[in-house]
Amino acid sequence: MKLSEKPKWQELPLAASIVEPATSLEYKTGDWKTLKPVVDTTKCIRCATCYIFCPEAAYEENEEGYFLPNYDYCKGCGICAVECPAMCIQMVEEEAE
């Protein structure tokens, strides 16, 4: 199929779930990643820098005050590992399930 034969974006059908409000939690986008952040809590200073810089808001605070990635939504961009002042986040290869 030639590019000129493909429908324009305006012609694509809309899924009802995409245009309804408050549905983003239904879309687990974490399957896109090839790398994932792993937090070494023995080095973590609980500063929340990872949480602040995460463009997907994929970090969640646990009962002990550590911010850990929610892999259902983390896309593996690595910003958290770059910004972490304690250097306790390591990006590791995601394993296929």
C-alpha atoms as a PDB file:
ATOM      1  CA  MET A   1       0.000   0.000   0.000  1.00  0.00           C
ATOM      2  CA  LYS A   2       1.322   3.395  -0.949  1.00  0.00           C
ATOM      3  CA  LEU A   3       1.460   6.184   1.596  1.00  0.00           C
ATOM      4  CA  SER A   4      -0.968   8.193  -0.513  1.00  0.00           C
ATOM      5  CA  GLU A   5      -3.513   5.339  -0.238  1.00  0.00           C
ATOM      6  CA  LYS A   6      -3.488   5.277   3.551  1.00  0.00           C
ATOM      7  CA  PRO A   7      -6.224   7.244   5.345  1.00  0.00           C
ATOM      8  CA  LYS A   8      -5.452  10.654   6.746  1.00  0.00           C
ATOM      9  CA  TRP A   9      -5.430  10.953  10.534  1.00  0.00           C
ATOM     10  CA  GLN A  10      -8.743  12.823  10.394  1.00  0.00           C
ATOM     11  CA  GLU A  11     -10.325   9.793   8.712  1.00  0.00           C
ATOM     12  CA  LEU A  12      -9.295   7.265  11.361  1.00  0.00           C
ATOM     13  CA  PRO A  13     -12.101   5.981  13.599  1.00  0.00           C
ATOM     14  CA  LEU A  14     -12.038   7.153  17.207  1.00  0.00           C
ATOM     15  CA  ALA A  15     -12.252   4.626  20.010  1.00  0.00           C
ATOM     16  CA  ALA A  16     -14.832   5.728  22.577  1.00  0.00           C
ATOM     17  CA  SER A  17     -12.531   4.886  25.490  1.00  0.00           C
ATOM     18  CA  ILE A  18      -9.907   7.321  24.240  1.00  0.00           C
ATOM     19  CA  VAL A  19     -12.218  10.329  24.226  1.00  0.00           C
ATOM     20  CA  GLU A  20     -13.827   9.625  27.596  1.00  0.00           C
ATOM     21  CA  PRO A  21     -12.322  11.421  30.607  1.00  0.00           C
ATOM     22  CA  ALA A  22     -10.288   9.645  33.299  1.00  0.00           C
ATOM     23  CA  THR A  23      -9.351   6.565  31.274  1.00  0.00           C
ATOM     24  CA  SER A  24      -5.554   6.878  31.181  1.00  0.00           C
ATOM     25  CA  LEU A  25      -5.077   4.361  34.005  1.00  0.00           C
ATOM     26  CA  GLU A  26      -6.671   1.713  31.777  1.00  0.00           C
ATOM     27  CA  TYR A  27      -3.796   1.970  29.288  1.00  0.00           C
ATOM     28  CA  LYS A  28      -0.748   0.163  30.665  1.00  0.00           C
ATOM     29  CA  THR A  29       2.011   1.748  28.570  1.00  0.00           C
ATOM     30  CA  GLY A  30       4.933   0.107  30.367  1.00  0.00           C
ATOM     31  CA  ASP A  31       5.176  -2.673  27.793  1.00  0.00           C
ATOM     32  CA  TRP A  32       6.895  -0.203  25.470  1.00  0.00           C
ATOM     33  CA  LYS A  33      10.165  -0.165  27.407  1.00  0.00           C
ATOM     34  CA  THR A  34      13.366  -2.060  26.659  1.00  0.00           C
ATOM     35  CA  LEU A  35      15.119  -0.807  29.803  1.00  0.00           C
ATOM     36  CA  LYS A  36      13.697  -0.452  33.290  1.00  0.00           C
ATOM     37  CA  PRO A  37      14.865   1.488  36.350  1.00  0.00           C
ATOM     38  CA  VAL A  38      15.862  -0.545  39.398  1.00  0.00           C
ATOM     39  CA  VAL A  39      16.194   1.372  42.678  1.00  0.00           C
ATOM     40  CA  ASP A  40      18.827   0.330  45.216  1.00  0.00           C
ATOM     41  CA  THR A  41      17.049   1.307  48.429  1.00  0.00           C
ATOM     42  CA  THR A  42      20.272   0.906  50.435  1.00  0.00           C
ATOM     43  CA  LYS A  43      21.628   3.984  48.609  1.00  0.00           C
ATOM     44  CA  CYS A  44      18.341   5.889  48.218  1.00  0.00           C
ATOM     45  CA  ILE A  45      18.024   9.113  50.253  1.00  0.00           C
ATOM     46  CA  ARG A  46      14.245   9.374  49.643  1.00  0.00           C
ATOM     47  CA  CYS A  47      14.540  12.793  48.018  1.00  0.00           C
ATOM     48  CA  ALA A  48      11.753  12.124  45.470  1.00  0.00           C
ATOM     49  CA  THR A  49      13.839  13.501  42.580  1.00  0.00           C
ATOM     50  CA  CYS A  50      12.894  10.435  40.517  1.00  0.00           C
ATOM     51  CA  TYR A  51       9.223  11.127  41.182  1.00  0.00           C
ATOM     52  CA  ILE A  52       9.566  14.816  40.313  1.00  0.00           C
ATOM     53  CA  PHE A  53      11.410  14.286  37.020  1.00  0.00           C
ATOM     54  CA  CYS A  54       9.474  11.239  35.764  1.00  0.00           C
ATOM     55  CA  PRO A  55       7.534  12.439  32.694  1.00  0.00           C
ATOM     56  CA  GLU A  56       5.015   9.601  33.117  1.00  0.00           C
ATOM     57  CA  ALA A  57       4.427  10.010  36.870  1.00  0.00           C
ATOM     58  CA  ALA A  58       5.327   6.320  37.106  1.00  0.00           C
ATOM     59  CA  TYR A  59       6.911   6.535  40.559  1.00  0.00           C
ATOM     60  CA  GLU A  60       4.918   5.739  43.677  1.00  0.00           C
ATOM     61  CA  GLU A  61       5.874   6.210  47.316  1.00  0.00           C
ATOM     62  CA  ASN A  62       5.791   3.058  49.444  1.00  0.00           C
ATOM     63  CA  GLU A  63       5.122   2.764  53.178  1.00  0.00           C
ATOM     64  CA  GLU A  64       8.814   3.314  54.019  1.00  0.00           C
ATOM     65  CA  GLY A  65       9.036   6.550  52.040  1.00  0.00           C
ATOM     66  CA  TYR A  66      10.933   5.140  49.057  1.00  0.00           C
ATOM     67  CA  PHE A  67       9.790   6.104  45.584  1.00  0.00           C
ATOM     68  CA  LEU A  68       9.671   3.036  43.357  1.00  0.00           C
ATOM     69  CA  PRO A  69       8.739   2.732  39.680  1.00  0.00           C
ATOM     70  CA  ASN A  70       5.371   1.365  38.666  1.00  0.00           C
ATOM     71  CA  TYR A  71       6.410  -0.783  35.713  1.00  0.00           C
ATOM     72  CA  ASP A  72       2.869  -0.794  34.304  1.00  0.00           C
ATOM     73  CA  TYR A  73       3.392   2.846  33.275  1.00  0.00           C
ATOM     74  CA  CYS A  74       7.183   3.343  33.188  1.00  0.00           C
ATOM     75  CA  LYS A  75       8.445   3.661  29.609  1.00  0.00           C
ATOM     76  CA  GLY A  76      12.118   3.222  30.526  1.00  0.00           C
ATOM     77  CA  CYS A  77      13.315   6.658  29.419  1.00  0.00           C
ATOM     78  CA  GLY A  78      16.058   6.752  32.089  1.00  0.00           C
ATOM     79  CA  ILE A  79      15.518  10.355  33.163  1.00  0.00           C
ATOM     80  CA  CYS A  80      15.147   9.197  36.763  1.00  0.00           C
ATOM     81  CA  ALA A  81      18.559   7.486  36.684  1.00  0.00           C
ATOM     82  CA  VAL A  82      20.233  10.569  35.208  1.00  0.00           C
ATOM     83  CA  GLU A  83      18.657  12.980  37.712  1.00  0.00           C
ATOM     84  CA  CYS A  84      19.080  10.859  40.870  1.00  0.00           C
ATOM     85  CA  PRO A  85      21.566  12.673  43.166  1.00  0.00           C
ATOM     86  CA  ALA A  86      22.315   9.471  45.103  1.00  0.00           C
ATOM     87  CA  MET A  87      22.922   7.498  41.881  1.00  0.00           C
ATOM     88  CA  CYS A  88      20.830   4.652  43.263  1.00  0.00           C
ATOM     89  CA  ILE A  89      18.839   3.985  40.081  1.00  0.00           C
ATOM     90  CA  GLN A  90      20.286   1.659  37.485  1.00  0.00           C
ATOM     91  CA  MET A  91      18.720   1.074  34.089  1.00  0.00           C
ATOM     92  CA  VAL A  92      18.661  -2.637  33.305  1.00  0.00           C
ATOM     93  CA  GLU A  93      17.449  -4.545  30.288  1.00  0.00           C
ATOM     94  CA  GLU A  94      13.799  -5.510  30.441  1.00  0.00           C
ATOM     95  CA  GLU A  95      13.273  -9.256  30.298  1.00  0.00           C
ATOM     96  CA  ALA A  96      10.679 -10.717  27.951  1.00  0.00           C
ATOM     97  CA  GLU A  97       7.845 -12.522  29.682  1.00  0.00           C
END
